[in-house]
Amino acid sequence: MSRHILSEAKIHPSIRATISNNHKEFVKEVISVVESQPIVVIGMGLNPVCKTACKLLDEQGLSYEYLEFGSYFKEWRKRNALKMWSGWKTFPMIFINGMLIGGADDLTNLIQTQTLEPLMS
């Protein structure tokens, strides 16, 4: 299975920089955290599902880095840049050892199927 991403050849040269620079420094900072921490949860304020994901990790006794960006009405452009980077459309975004595992439901599934632990090593 492969992810559909618009080929650069299909993007007019005059707008390539605009696309490439969309919150570039912000995304680079997030990537740096994702690459340096074993577990990262990227969330947003007022979203109960983000809190659920953190609670699940707490219940497993796992430490994690939580990054929160805005709420439903604030910082949506930054969150949109993260969605474009990751391909994941909702929050939270949960990364384990740099791998996007999905959201809270996906984390629940990994815990229930006992497949979370192998990802940790």
PDB file of N, CA and C in Angstrom:
ATOM      1  N   MET A   1       0.855  -1.173   0.000  1.00  0.00           N
ATOM      2  CA  MET A   1       0.000   0.000   0.000  1.00  0.00           C
ATOM      3  C   MET A   1       0.893   1.226   0.000  1.00  0.00           C
ATOM      4  N   SER A   2       0.541   2.183  -0.801  1.00  0.00           N
ATOM      5  CA  SER A   2       1.326   3.406  -0.807  1.00  0.00           C
ATOM      6  C   SER A   2       0.409   4.604  -0.617  1.00  0.00           C
ATOM      7  N   ARG A   3       0.986   5.628  -0.056  1.00  0.00           N
ATOM      8  CA  ARG A   3       0.251   6.849   0.243  1.00  0.00           C
ATOM      9  C   ARG A   3       0.261   7.746  -0.984  1.00  0.00           C
ATOM     10  N   HIS A   4      -0.869   8.294  -1.331  1.00  0.00           N
ATOM     11  CA  HIS A   4      -0.949   9.189  -2.477  1.00  0.00           C
ATOM     12  C   HIS A   4      -0.486  10.581  -2.065  1.00  0.00           C
ATOM     13  N   ILE A   5       0.572  11.026  -2.709  1.00  0.00           N
ATOM     14  CA  ILE A   5       1.085  12.371  -2.500  1.00  0.00           C
ATOM     15  C   ILE A   5       1.265  12.977  -3.878  1.00  0.00           C
ATOM     16  N   LEU A   6       0.782  14.177  -4.046  1.00  0.00           N
ATOM     17  CA  LEU A   6       0.884  14.839  -5.335  1.00  0.00           C
ATOM     18  C   LEU A   6       2.348  14.984  -5.724  1.00  0.00           C
ATOM     19  N   SER A   7       2.691  14.479  -6.871  1.00  0.00           N
ATOM     20  CA  SER A   7       4.060  14.554  -7.356  1.00  0.00           C
ATOM     21  C   SER A   7       4.474  16.009  -7.541  1.00  0.00           C
ATOM     22  N   GLU A   8       5.736  16.290  -7.220  1.00  0.00           N
ATOM     23  CA  GLU A   8       6.240  17.649  -7.396  1.00  0.00           C
ATOM     24  C   GLU A   8       6.134  18.079  -8.858  1.00  0.00           C
ATOM     25  N   ALA A   9       6.234  17.128  -9.763  1.00  0.00           N
ATOM     26  CA  ALA A   9       6.102  17.431 -11.188  1.00  0.00           C
ATOM     27  C   ALA A   9       4.706  17.947 -11.530  1.00  0.00           C
ATOM     28  N   LYS A  10       3.721  17.660 -10.677  1.00  0.00           N
ATOM     29  CA  LYS A  10       2.351  18.107 -10.901  1.00  0.00           C
ATOM     30  C   LYS A  10       2.032  19.417 -10.174  1.00  0.00           C
ATOM     31  N   ILE A  11       3.053  20.014  -9.589  1.00  0.00           N
ATOM     32  CA  ILE A  11       2.886  21.295  -8.891  1.00  0.00           C
ATOM     33  C   ILE A  11       3.619  22.365  -9.695  1.00  0.00           C
ATOM     34  N   HIS A  12       2.915  23.418 -10.012  1.00  0.00           N
ATOM     35  CA  HIS A  12       3.527  24.476 -10.810  1.00  0.00           C
ATOM     36  C   HIS A  12       4.746  25.038 -10.084  1.00  0.00           C
ATOM     37  N   PRO A  13       5.851  25.244 -10.800  1.00  0.00           N
ATOM     38  CA  PRO A  13       7.080  25.735 -10.161  1.00  0.00           C
ATOM     39  C   PRO A  13       6.905  27.018  -9.349  1.00  0.00           C
ATOM     40  N   SER A  14       5.973  27.866  -9.756  1.00  0.00           N
ATOM     41  CA  SER A  14       5.811  29.146  -9.047  1.00  0.00           C
ATOM     42  C   SER A  14       5.219  28.990  -7.651  1.00  0.00           C
ATOM     43  N   ILE A  15       4.605  27.824  -7.344  1.00  0.00           N
ATOM     44  CA  ILE A  15       4.020  27.660  -6.005  1.00  0.00           C
ATOM     45  C   ILE A  15       4.725  26.590  -5.176  1.00  0.00           C
ATOM     46  N   ARG A  16       5.740  25.944  -5.723  1.00  0.00           N
ATOM     47  CA  ARG A  16       6.437  24.897  -4.983  1.00  0.00           C
ATOM     48  C   ARG A  16       7.015  25.405  -3.662  1.00  0.00           C
ATOM     49  N   ALA A  17       7.600  26.581  -3.672  1.00  0.00           N
ATOM     50  CA  ALA A  17       8.187  27.135  -2.445  1.00  0.00           C
ATOM     51  C   ALA A  17       7.108  27.422  -1.406  1.00  0.00           C
ATOM     52  N   THR A  18       5.959  27.896  -1.857  1.00  0.00           N
ATOM     53  CA  THR A  18       4.854  28.163  -0.930  1.00  0.00           C
ATOM     54  C   THR A  18       4.451  26.883  -0.212  1.00  0.00           C
ATOM     55  N   ILE A  19       4.336  25.810  -0.952  1.00  0.00           N
ATOM     56  CA  ILE A  19       3.961  24.524  -0.357  1.00  0.00           C
ATOM     57  C   ILE A  19       5.066  24.029   0.563  1.00  0.00           C
ATOM     58  N   SER A  20       6.287  24.093   0.084  1.00  0.00           N
ATOM     59  CA  SER A  20       7.427  23.593   0.849  1.00  0.00           C
ATOM     60  C   SER A  20       7.643  24.365   2.151  1.00  0.00           C
ATOM     61  N   ASN A  21       7.353  25.636   2.132  1.00  0.00           N
ATOM     62  CA  ASN A  21       7.620  26.483   3.303  1.00  0.00           C
ATOM     63  C   ASN A  21       6.440  26.632   4.246  1.00  0.00           C
ATOM     64  N   ASN A  22       5.347  25.896   4.022  1.00  0.00           N
ATOM     65  CA  ASN A  22       4.165  26.002   4.870  1.00  0.00           C
ATOM     66  C   ASN A  22       4.492  25.561   6.299  1.00  0.00           C
ATOM     67  N   HIS A  23       4.704  26.521   7.174  1.00  0.00           N
ATOM     68  CA  HIS A  23       5.051  26.268   8.585  1.00  0.00           C
ATOM     69  C   HIS A  23       6.254  25.326   8.703  1.00  0.00           C
ATOM     70  N   LYS A  24       7.199  25.512   7.815  1.00  0.00           N
ATOM     71  CA  LYS A  24       8.366  24.634   7.720  1.00  0.00           C
ATOM     72  C   LYS A  24       9.139  24.519   9.032  1.00  0.00           C
ATOM     73  N   GLU A  25       9.440  25.635   9.662  1.00  0.00           N
ATOM     74  CA  GLU A  25      10.224  25.598  10.907  1.00  0.00           C
ATOM     75  C   GLU A  25       9.453  24.909  12.028  1.00  0.00           C
ATOM     76  N   PHE A  26       8.172  25.163  12.087  1.00  0.00           N
ATOM     77  CA  PHE A  26       7.318  24.514  13.089  1.00  0.00           C
ATOM     78  C   PHE A  26       7.325  22.998  12.898  1.00  0.00           C
ATOM     79  N   VAL A  27       7.110  22.547  11.675  1.00  0.00           N
ATOM     80  CA  VAL A  27       7.095  21.115  11.386  1.00  0.00           C
ATOM     81  C   VAL A  27       8.458  20.505  11.701  1.00  0.00           C
ATOM     82  N   LYS A  28       9.547  21.212  11.372  1.00  0.00           N
ATOM     83  CA  LYS A  28      10.888  20.707  11.676  1.00  0.00           C
ATOM     84  C   LYS A  28      11.085  20.536  13.178  1.00  0.00           C
ATOM     85  N   GLU A  29      10.557  21.457  13.973  1.00  0.00           N
ATOM     86  CA  GLU A  29      10.660  21.353  15.436  1.00  0.00           C
ATOM     87  C   GLU A  29       9.904  20.117  15.934  1.00  0.00           C
ATOM     88  N   VAL A  30       8.725  19.882  15.401  1.00  0.00           N
ATOM     89  CA  VAL A  30       7.936  18.709  15.794  1.00  0.00           C
ATOM     90  C   VAL A  30       8.667  17.433  15.380  1.00  0.00           C
ATOM     91  N   ILE A  31       9.191  17.404  14.177  1.00  0.00           N
ATOM     92  CA  ILE A  31       9.944  16.237  13.712  1.00  0.00           C
ATOM     93  C   ILE A  31      11.118  15.957  14.638  1.00  0.00           C
ATOM     94  N   SER A  32      11.785  16.998  15.070  1.00  0.00           N
ATOM     95  CA  SER A  32      12.929  16.845  15.979  1.00  0.00           C
ATOM     96  C   SER A  32      12.509  16.162  17.283  1.00  0.00           C
ATOM     97  N   VAL A  33      11.375  16.565  17.831  1.00  0.00           N
ATOM     98  CA  VAL A  33      10.878  15.942  19.067  1.00  0.00           C
ATOM     99  C   VAL A  33      10.488  14.491  18.799  1.00  0.00           C
ATOM    100  N   VAL A  34       9.782  14.246  17.709  1.00  0.00           N
ATOM    101  CA  VAL A  34       9.343  12.891  17.362  1.00  0.00           C
ATOM    102  C   VAL A  34      10.551  11.964  17.199  1.00  0.00           C
ATOM    103  N   GLU A  35      11.620  12.478  16.617  1.00  0.00           N
ATOM    104  CA  GLU A  35      12.811  11.655  16.396  1.00  0.00           C
ATOM    105  C   GLU A  35      13.659  11.468  17.650  1.00  0.00           C
ATOM    106  N   SER A  36      13.471  12.332  18.647  1.00  0.00           N
ATOM    107  CA  SER A  36      14.339  12.258  19.832  1.00  0.00           C
ATOM    108  C   SER A  36      13.671  11.641  21.059  1.00  0.00           C
ATOM    109  N   GLN A  37      12.357  11.477  21.038  1.00  0.00           N
ATOM    110  CA  GLN A  37      11.644  10.942  22.194  1.00  0.00           C
ATOM    111  C   GLN A  37      11.004   9.601  21.839  1.00  0.00           C
ATOM    112  N   PRO A  38      11.010   8.646  22.780  1.00  0.00           N
ATOM    113  CA  PRO A  38      10.429   7.337  22.489  1.00  0.00           C
ATOM    114  C   PRO A  38       8.928   7.374  22.185  1.00  0.00           C
ATOM    115  N   ILE A  39       8.186   8.178  22.947  1.00  0.00           N
ATOM    116  CA  ILE A  39       6.737   8.283  22.722  1.00  0.00           C
ATOM    117  C   ILE A  39       6.362   9.763  22.688  1.00  0.00           C
ATOM    118  N   VAL A  40       5.659  10.149  21.645  1.00  0.00           N
ATOM    119  CA  VAL A  40       5.202  11.533  21.510  1.00  0.00           C
ATOM    120  C   VAL A  40       3.720  11.513  21.165  1.00  0.00           C
ATOM    121  N   VAL A  41       2.968  12.298  21.895  1.00  0.00           N
ATOM    122  CA  VAL A  41       1.549  12.493  21.613  1.00  0.00           C
ATOM    123  C   VAL A  41       1.388  13.944  21.191  1.00  0.00           C
ATOM    124  N   ILE A  42       0.855  14.162  20.018  1.00  0.00           N
ATOM    125  CA  ILE A  42       0.581  15.517  19.536  1.00  0.00           C
ATOM    126  C   ILE A  42      -0.916  15.721  19.633  1.00  0.00           C
ATOM    127  N   GLY A  43      -1.290  16.730  20.413  1.00  0.00           N
ATOM    128  CA  GLY A  43      -2.702  16.964  20.644  1.00  0.00           C
ATOM    129  C   GLY A  43      -3.090  18.412  20.506  1.00  0.00           C
ATOM    130  N   MET A  44      -4.287  18.679  20.959  1.00  0.00           N
ATOM    131  CA  MET A  44      -4.835  20.034  20.924  1.00  0.00           C
ATOM    132  C   MET A  44      -5.757  20.212  22.118  1.00  0.00           C
ATOM    133  N   GLY A  45      -5.869  21.439  22.573  1.00  0.00           N
ATOM    134  CA  GLY A  45      -6.725  21.732  23.708  1.00  0.00           C
ATOM    135  C   GLY A  45      -8.185  21.459  23.399  1.00  0.00           C
ATOM    136  N   LEU A  46      -8.939  21.189  24.428  1.00  0.00           N
ATOM    137  CA  LEU A  46     -10.381  20.964  24.361  1.00  0.00           C
ATOM    138  C   LEU A  46     -10.769  19.682  23.630  1.00  0.00           C
ATOM    139  N   ASN A  47      -9.802  18.843  23.290  1.00  0.00           N
ATOM    140  CA  ASN A  47     -10.101  17.604  22.584  1.00  0.00           C
ATOM    141  C   ASN A  47      -9.999  16.454  23.586  1.00  0.00           C
ATOM    142  N   PRO A  48     -11.124  15.873  23.976  1.00  0.00           N
ATOM    143  CA  PRO A  48     -11.097  14.819  24.994  1.00  0.00           C
ATOM    144  C   PRO A  48     -10.372  13.552  24.536  1.00  0.00           C
ATOM    145  N   VAL A  49     -10.292  13.313  23.242  1.00  0.00           N
ATOM    146  CA  VAL A  49      -9.623  12.113  22.746  1.00  0.00           C
ATOM    147  C   VAL A  49      -8.119  12.196  23.004  1.00  0.00           C
ATOM    148  N   CYS A  50      -7.568  13.398  22.963  1.00  0.00           N
ATOM    149  CA  CYS A  50      -6.147  13.575  23.282  1.00  0.00           C
ATOM    150  C   CYS A  50      -5.884  13.207  24.740  1.00  0.00           C
ATOM    151  N   LYS A  51      -6.776  13.630  25.613  1.00  0.00           N
ATOM    152  CA  LYS A  51      -6.658  13.283  27.037  1.00  0.00           C
ATOM    153  C   LYS A  51      -6.797  11.774  27.247  1.00  0.00           C
ATOM    154  N   THR A  52      -7.667  11.141  26.479  1.00  0.00           N
ATOM    155  CA  THR A  52      -7.838   9.693  26.555  1.00  0.00           C
ATOM    156  C   THR A  52      -6.538   8.982  26.202  1.00  0.00           C
ATOM    157  N   ALA A  53      -5.877   9.427  25.155  1.00  0.00           N
ATOM    158  CA  ALA A  53      -4.612   8.812  24.740  1.00  0.00           C
ATOM    159  C   ALA A  53      -3.566   8.932  25.844  1.00  0.00           C
ATOM    160  N   CYS A  54      -3.478  10.104  26.445  1.00  0.00           N
ATOM    161  CA  CYS A  54      -2.511  10.303  27.534  1.00  0.00           C
ATOM    162  C   CYS A  54      -2.856   9.410  28.723  1.00  0.00           C
ATOM    163  N   LYS A  55      -4.133   9.299  29.030  1.00  0.00           N
ATOM    164  CA  LYS A  55      -4.562   8.449  30.142  1.00  0.00           C
ATOM    165  C   LYS A  55      -4.201   6.989  29.881  1.00  0.00           C
ATOM    166  N   LEU A  56      -4.389   6.531  28.646  1.00  0.00           N
ATOM    167  CA  LEU A  56      -4.030   5.155  28.292  1.00  0.00           C
ATOM    168  C   LEU A  56      -2.536   4.907  28.513  1.00  0.00           C
ATOM    169  N   LEU A  57      -1.713   5.854  28.097  1.00  0.00           N
ATOM    170  CA  LEU A  57      -0.268   5.710  28.288  1.00  0.00           C
ATOM    171  C   LEU A  57       0.088   5.744  29.771  1.00  0.00           C
ATOM    172  N   ASP A  58      -0.574   6.630  30.523  1.00  0.00           N
ATOM    173  CA  ASP A  58      -0.351   6.688  31.970  1.00  0.00           C
ATOM    174  C   ASP A  58      -0.691   5.345  32.621  1.00  0.00           C
ATOM    175  N   GLU A  59      -1.806   4.761  32.215  1.00  0.00           N
ATOM    176  CA  GLU A  59      -2.227   3.472  32.775  1.00  0.00           C
ATOM    177  C   GLU A  59      -1.228   2.357  32.467  1.00  0.00           C
ATOM    178  N   GLN A  60      -0.512   2.493  31.364  1.00  0.00           N
ATOM    179  CA  GLN A  60       0.502   1.504  30.996  1.00  0.00           C
ATOM    180  C   GLN A  60       1.840   1.798  31.683  1.00  0.00           C
ATOM    181  N   GLY A  61       1.888   2.912  32.400  1.00  0.00           N
ATOM    182  CA  GLY A  61       3.123   3.298  33.081  1.00  0.00           C
ATOM    183  C   GLY A  61       4.199   3.792  32.120  1.00  0.00           C
ATOM    184  N   LEU A  62       3.778   4.339  30.990  1.00  0.00           N
ATOM    185  CA  LEU A  62       4.728   4.791  29.974  1.00  0.00           C
ATOM    186  C   LEU A  62       4.879   6.307  30.010  1.00  0.00           C
ATOM    187  N   SER A  63       6.117   6.759  29.941  1.00  0.00           N
ATOM    188  CA  SER A  63       6.408   8.187  29.858  1.00  0.00           C
ATOM    189  C   SER A  63       6.276   8.624  28.410  1.00  0.00           C
ATOM    190  N   TYR A  64       5.879   9.851  28.220  1.00  0.00           N
ATOM    191  CA  TYR A  64       5.694  10.371  26.870  1.00  0.00           C
ATOM    192  C   TYR A  64       5.858  11.873  26.872  1.00  0.00           C
ATOM    193  N   GLU A  65       6.136  12.405  25.723  1.00  0.00           N
ATOM    194  CA  GLU A  65       6.203  13.846  25.515  1.00  0.00           C
ATOM    195  C   GLU A  65       4.865  14.254  24.917  1.00  0.00           C
ATOM    196  N   TYR A  66       4.207  15.240  25.542  1.00  0.00           N
ATOM    197  CA  TYR A  66       2.927  15.708  25.023  1.00  0.00           C
ATOM    198  C   TYR A  66       3.114  17.099  24.439  1.00  0.00           C
ATOM    199  N   LEU A  67       2.765  17.238  23.181  1.00  0.00           N
ATOM    200  CA  LEU A  67       2.818  18.527  22.501  1.00  0.00           C
ATOM    201  C   LEU A  67       1.393  18.952  22.194  1.00  0.00           C
ATOM    202  N   GLU A  68       1.023  20.132  22.663  1.00  0.00           N
ATOM    203  CA  GLU A  68      -0.339  20.614  22.441  1.00  0.00           C
ATOM    204  C   GLU A  68      -0.291  21.885  21.625  1.00  0.00           C
ATOM    205  N   PHE A  69      -1.070  21.923  20.565  1.00  0.00           N
ATOM    206  CA  PHE A  69      -1.088  23.073  19.685  1.00  0.00           C
ATOM    207  C   PHE A  69      -2.508  23.579  19.510  1.00  0.00           C
ATOM    208  N   GLY A  70      -2.804  24.661  20.181  1.00  0.00           N
ATOM    209  CA  GLY A  70      -4.067  25.348  20.030  1.00  0.00           C
ATOM    210  C   GLY A  70      -5.275  24.551  20.468  1.00  0.00           C
ATOM    211  N   SER A  71      -6.410  24.995  19.959  1.00  0.00           N
ATOM    212  CA  SER A  71      -7.684  24.341  20.232  1.00  0.00           C
ATOM    213  C   SER A  71      -8.448  24.324  18.910  1.00  0.00           C
ATOM    214  N   TYR A  72      -9.721  24.068  18.982  1.00  0.00           N
ATOM    215  CA  TYR A  72     -10.496  24.008  17.746  1.00  0.00           C
ATOM    216  C   TYR A  72     -10.446  25.316  16.962  1.00  0.00           C
ATOM    217  N   PHE A  73     -10.224  26.426  17.643  1.00  0.00           N
ATOM    218  CA  PHE A  73     -10.282  27.727  16.987  1.00  0.00           C
ATOM    219  C   PHE A  73      -8.931  28.419  16.871  1.00  0.00           C
ATOM    220  N   LYS A  74      -7.891  27.860  17.497  1.00  0.00           N
ATOM    221  CA  LYS A  74      -6.579  28.509  17.473  1.00  0.00           C
ATOM    222  C   LYS A  74      -5.530  27.543  16.919  1.00  0.00           C
ATOM    223  N   GLU A  75      -4.581  28.106  16.216  1.00  0.00           N
ATOM    224  CA  GLU A  75      -3.434  27.393  15.672  1.00  0.00           C
ATOM    225  C   GLU A  75      -3.812  26.269  14.705  1.00  0.00           C
ATOM    226  N   TRP A  76      -4.971  26.386  14.073  1.00  0.00           N
ATOM    227  CA  TRP A  76      -5.398  25.337  13.157  1.00  0.00           C
ATOM    228  C   TRP A  76      -4.490  25.253  11.934  1.00  0.00           C
ATOM    229  N   ARG A  77      -3.872  26.354  11.534  1.00  0.00           N
ATOM    230  CA  ARG A  77      -2.983  26.306  10.369  1.00  0.00           C
ATOM    231  C   ARG A  77      -1.744  25.461  10.663  1.00  0.00           C
ATOM    232  N   LYS A  78      -1.220  25.583  11.885  1.00  0.00           N
ATOM    233  CA  LYS A  78      -0.080  24.758  12.270  1.00  0.00           C
ATOM    234  C   LYS A  78      -0.482  23.282  12.311  1.00  0.00           C
ATOM    235  N   ARG A  79      -1.634  23.014  12.892  1.00  0.00           N
ATOM    236  CA  ARG A  79      -2.094  21.619  12.946  1.00  0.00           C
ATOM    237  C   ARG A  79      -2.324  21.074  11.538  1.00  0.00           C
ATOM    238  N   ASN A  80      -2.826  21.921  10.658  1.00  0.00           N
ATOM    239  CA  ASN A  80      -3.024  21.493   9.278  1.00  0.00           C
ATOM    240  C   ASN A  80      -1.688  21.129   8.629  1.00  0.00           C
ATOM    241  N   ALA A  81      -0.634  21.891   8.911  1.00  0.00           N
ATOM    242  CA  ALA A  81       0.696  21.570   8.375  1.00  0.00           C
ATOM    243  C   ALA A  81       1.155  20.208   8.889  1.00  0.00           C
ATOM    244  N   LEU A  82       0.852  19.890  10.150  1.00  0.00           N
ATOM    245  CA  LEU A  82       1.205  18.575  10.698  1.00  0.00           C
ATOM    246  C   LEU A  82       0.409  17.464  10.018  1.00  0.00           C
ATOM    247  N   LYS A  83      -0.848  17.740   9.732  1.00  0.00           N
ATOM    248  CA  LYS A  83      -1.666  16.751   9.029  1.00  0.00           C
ATOM    249  C   LYS A  83      -1.108  16.492   7.629  1.00  0.00           C
ATOM    250  N   MET A  84      -0.681  17.545   6.972  1.00  0.00           N
ATOM    251  CA  MET A  84      -0.116  17.385   5.631  1.00  0.00           C
ATOM    252  C   MET A  84       1.198  16.607   5.700  1.00  0.00           C
ATOM    253  N   TRP A  85       2.012  16.879   6.718  1.00  0.00           N
ATOM    254  CA  TRP A  85       3.288  16.179   6.872  1.00  0.00           C
ATOM    255  C   TRP A  85       3.068  14.695   7.168  1.00  0.00           C
ATOM    256  N   SER A  86       2.174  14.402   8.112  1.00  0.00           N
ATOM    257  CA  SER A  86       2.017  13.020   8.577  1.00  0.00           C
ATOM    258  C   SER A  86       1.039  12.202   7.731  1.00  0.00           C
ATOM    259  N   GLY A  87       0.086  12.878   7.115  1.00  0.00           N
ATOM    260  CA  GLY A  87      -0.971  12.156   6.415  1.00  0.00           C
ATOM    261  C   GLY A  87      -2.091  11.710   7.339  1.00  0.00           C
ATOM    262  N   TRP A  88      -1.968  12.006   8.641  1.00  0.00           N
ATOM    263  CA  TRP A  88      -2.985  11.625   9.624  1.00  0.00           C
ATOM    264  C   TRP A  88      -3.929  12.793   9.795  1.00  0.00           C
ATOM    265  N   LYS A  89      -5.231  12.551   9.722  1.00  0.00           N
ATOM    266  CA  LYS A  89      -6.186  13.664   9.638  1.00  0.00           C
ATOM    267  C   LYS A  89      -6.768  14.131  10.966  1.00  0.00           C
ATOM    268  N   THR A  90      -6.491  13.411  12.050  1.00  0.00           N
ATOM    269  CA  THR A  90      -7.104  13.783  13.325  1.00  0.00           C
ATOM    270  C   THR A  90      -6.055  13.858  14.433  1.00  0.00           C
ATOM    271  N   PHE A  91      -6.487  14.379  15.559  1.00  0.00           N
ATOM    272  CA  PHE A  91      -5.648  14.442  16.758  1.00  0.00           C
ATOM    273  C   PHE A  91      -6.298  13.624  17.846  1.00  0.00           C
ATOM    274  N   PRO A  92      -5.490  12.924  18.609  1.00  0.00           N
ATOM    275  CA  PRO A  92      -4.041  13.012  18.680  1.00  0.00           C
ATOM    276  C   PRO A  92      -3.359  12.247  17.562  1.00  0.00           C
ATOM    277  N   MET A  93      -2.085  12.588  17.379  1.00  0.00           N
ATOM    278  CA  MET A  93      -1.161  11.816  16.566  1.00  0.00           C
ATOM    279  C   MET A  93      -0.190  11.208  17.565  1.00  0.00           C
ATOM    280  N   ILE A  94      -0.047   9.908  17.537  1.00  0.00           N
ATOM    281  CA  ILE A  94       0.817   9.235  18.505  1.00  0.00           C
ATOM    282  C   ILE A  94       1.973   8.578  17.755  1.00  0.00           C
ATOM    283  N   PHE A  95       3.177   8.884  18.196  1.00  0.00           N
ATOM    284  CA  PHE A  95       4.384   8.336  17.600  1.00  0.00           C
ATOM    285  C   PHE A  95       5.110   7.478  18.629  1.00  0.00           C
ATOM    286  N   ILE A  96       5.541   6.310  18.217  1.00  0.00           N
ATOM    287  CA  ILE A  96       6.354   5.441  19.061  1.00  0.00           C
ATOM    288  C   ILE A  96       7.646   5.161  18.304  1.00  0.00           C
ATOM    289  N   ASN A  97       8.746   5.576  18.923  1.00  0.00           N
ATOM    290  CA  ASN A  97      10.068   5.446  18.280  1.00  0.00           C
ATOM    291  C   ASN A  97      10.048   5.977  16.854  1.00  0.00           C
ATOM    292  N   GLY A  98       9.420   7.142  16.685  1.00  0.00           N
ATOM    293  CA  GLY A  98       9.391   7.814  15.394  1.00  0.00           C
ATOM    294  C   GLY A  98       8.345   7.316  14.424  1.00  0.00           C
ATOM    295  N   MET A  99       7.613   6.252  14.800  1.00  0.00           N
ATOM    296  CA  MET A  99       6.598   5.688  13.905  1.00  0.00           C
ATOM    297  C   MET A  99       5.208   6.174  14.311  1.00  0.00           C
ATOM    298  N   LEU A 100       4.479   6.698  13.360  1.00  0.00           N
ATOM    299  CA  LEU A 100       3.093   7.102  13.614  1.00  0.00           C
ATOM    300  C   LEU A 100       2.252   5.845  13.768  1.00  0.00           C
ATOM    301  N   ILE A 101       1.645   5.688  14.948  1.00  0.00           N
ATOM    302  CA  ILE A 101       0.797   4.509  15.169  1.00  0.00           C
ATOM    303  C   ILE A 101      -0.678   4.863  15.049  1.00  0.00           C
ATOM    304  N   GLY A 102      -1.002   6.132  14.874  1.00  0.00           N
ATOM    305  CA  GLY A 102      -2.385   6.558  14.716  1.00  0.00           C
ATOM    306  C   GLY A 102      -2.839   7.412  15.882  1.00  0.00           C
ATOM    307  N   GLY A 103      -4.093   7.196  16.282  1.00  0.00           N
ATOM    308  CA  GLY A 103      -4.683   7.974  17.355  1.00  0.00           C
ATOM    309  C   GLY A 103      -5.011   7.119  18.564  1.00  0.00           C
ATOM    310  N   ALA A 104      -5.930   7.599  19.386  1.00  0.00           N
ATOM    311  CA  ALA A 104      -6.277   6.923  20.638  1.00  0.00           C
ATOM    312  C   ALA A 104      -6.882   5.541  20.396  1.00  0.00           C
ATOM    313  N   ASP A 105      -7.740   5.408  19.402  1.00  0.00           N
ATOM    314  CA  ASP A 105      -8.328   4.098  19.108  1.00  0.00           C
ATOM    315  C   ASP A 105      -7.263   3.098  18.675  1.00  0.00           C
ATOM    316  N   ASP A 106      -6.297   3.577  17.911  1.00  0.00           N
ATOM    317  CA  ASP A 106      -5.217   2.706  17.447  1.00  0.00           C
ATOM    318  C   ASP A 106      -4.319   2.290  18.611  1.00  0.00           C
ATOM    319  N   LEU A 107      -4.095   3.231  19.528  1.00  0.00           N
ATOM    320  CA  LEU A 107      -3.331   2.911  20.737  1.00  0.00           C
ATOM    321  C   LEU A 107      -4.072   1.877  21.567  1.00  0.00           C
ATOM    322  N   THR A 108      -5.366   2.051  21.723  1.00  0.00           N
ATOM    323  CA  THR A 108      -6.179   1.078  22.452  1.00  0.00           C
ATOM    324  C   THR A 108      -6.049  -0.307  21.830  1.00  0.00           C
ATOM    325  N   ASN A 109      -6.121  -0.371  20.515  1.00  0.00           N
ATOM    326  CA  ASN A 109      -5.999  -1.646  19.810  1.00  0.00           C
ATOM    327  C   ASN A 109      -4.633  -2.295  20.074  1.00  0.00           C
ATOM    328  N   LEU A 110      -3.569  -1.513  20.023  1.00  0.00           N
ATOM    329  CA  LEU A 110      -2.231  -2.061  20.285  1.00  0.00           C
ATOM    330  C   LEU A 110      -2.122  -2.599  21.710  1.00  0.00           C
ATOM    331  N   ILE A 111      -2.728  -1.890  22.653  1.00  0.00           N
ATOM    332  CA  ILE A 111      -2.693  -2.343  24.045  1.00  0.00           C
ATOM    333  C   ILE A 111      -3.494  -3.638  24.190  1.00  0.00           C
ATOM    334  N   GLN A 112      -4.695  -3.667  23.631  1.00  0.00           N
ATOM    335  CA  GLN A 112      -5.563  -4.838  23.766  1.00  0.00           C
ATOM    336  C   GLN A 112      -4.997  -6.083  23.081  1.00  0.00           C
ATOM    337  N   THR A 113      -4.290  -5.883  21.975  1.00  0.00           N
ATOM    338  CA  THR A 113      -3.723  -7.021  21.252  1.00  0.00           C
ATOM    339  C   THR A 113      -2.305  -7.345  21.717  1.00  0.00           C
ATOM    340  N   GLN A 114      -1.868  -6.617  22.729  1.00  0.00           N
ATOM    341  CA  GLN A 114      -0.531  -6.800  23.308  1.00  0.00           C
ATOM    342  C   GLN A 114       0.575  -6.656  22.254  1.00  0.00           C
ATOM    343  N   THR A 115       0.379  -5.735  21.330  1.00  0.00           N
ATOM    344  CA  THR A 115       1.392  -5.476  20.309  1.00  0.00           C
ATOM    345  C   THR A 115       2.073  -4.124  20.494  1.00  0.00           C
ATOM    346  N   LEU A 116       1.774  -3.454  21.600  1.00  0.00           N
ATOM    347  CA  LEU A 116       2.419  -2.185  21.894  1.00  0.00           C
ATOM    348  C   LEU A 116       3.858  -2.395  22.357  1.00  0.00           C
ATOM    349  N   GLU A 117       4.045  -3.318  23.256  1.00  0.00           N
ATOM    350  CA  GLU A 117       5.381  -3.559  23.849  1.00  0.00           C
ATOM    351  C   GLU A 117       6.463  -3.803  22.798  1.00  0.00           C
ATOM    352  N   PRO A 118       6.226  -4.664  21.792  1.00  0.00           N
ATOM    353  CA  PRO A 118       7.284  -4.872  20.786  1.00  0.00           C
ATOM    354  C   PRO A 118       7.696  -3.602  20.050  1.00  0.00           C
ATOM    355  N   LEU A 119       6.778  -2.654  19.912  1.00  0.00           N
ATOM    356  CA  LEU A 119       7.111  -1.391  19.256  1.00  0.00           C
ATOM    357  C   LEU A 119       8.048  -0.540  20.102  1.00  0.00           C
ATOM    358  N   MET A 120       8.050  -0.809  21.403  1.00  0.00           N
ATOM    359  CA  MET A 120       8.846  -0.003  22.316  1.00  0.00           C
ATOM    360  C   MET A 120      10.341  -0.335  22.248  1.00  0.00           C
ATOM    361  N   SER A 121      10.673  -1.524  21.733  1.00  0.00           N
ATOM    362  CA  SER A 121      12.092  -1.890  21.718  1.00  0.00           C
ATOM    363  C   SER A 121      12.782  -1.523  20.426  1.00  0.00           C
TER     364      SER A 121
END
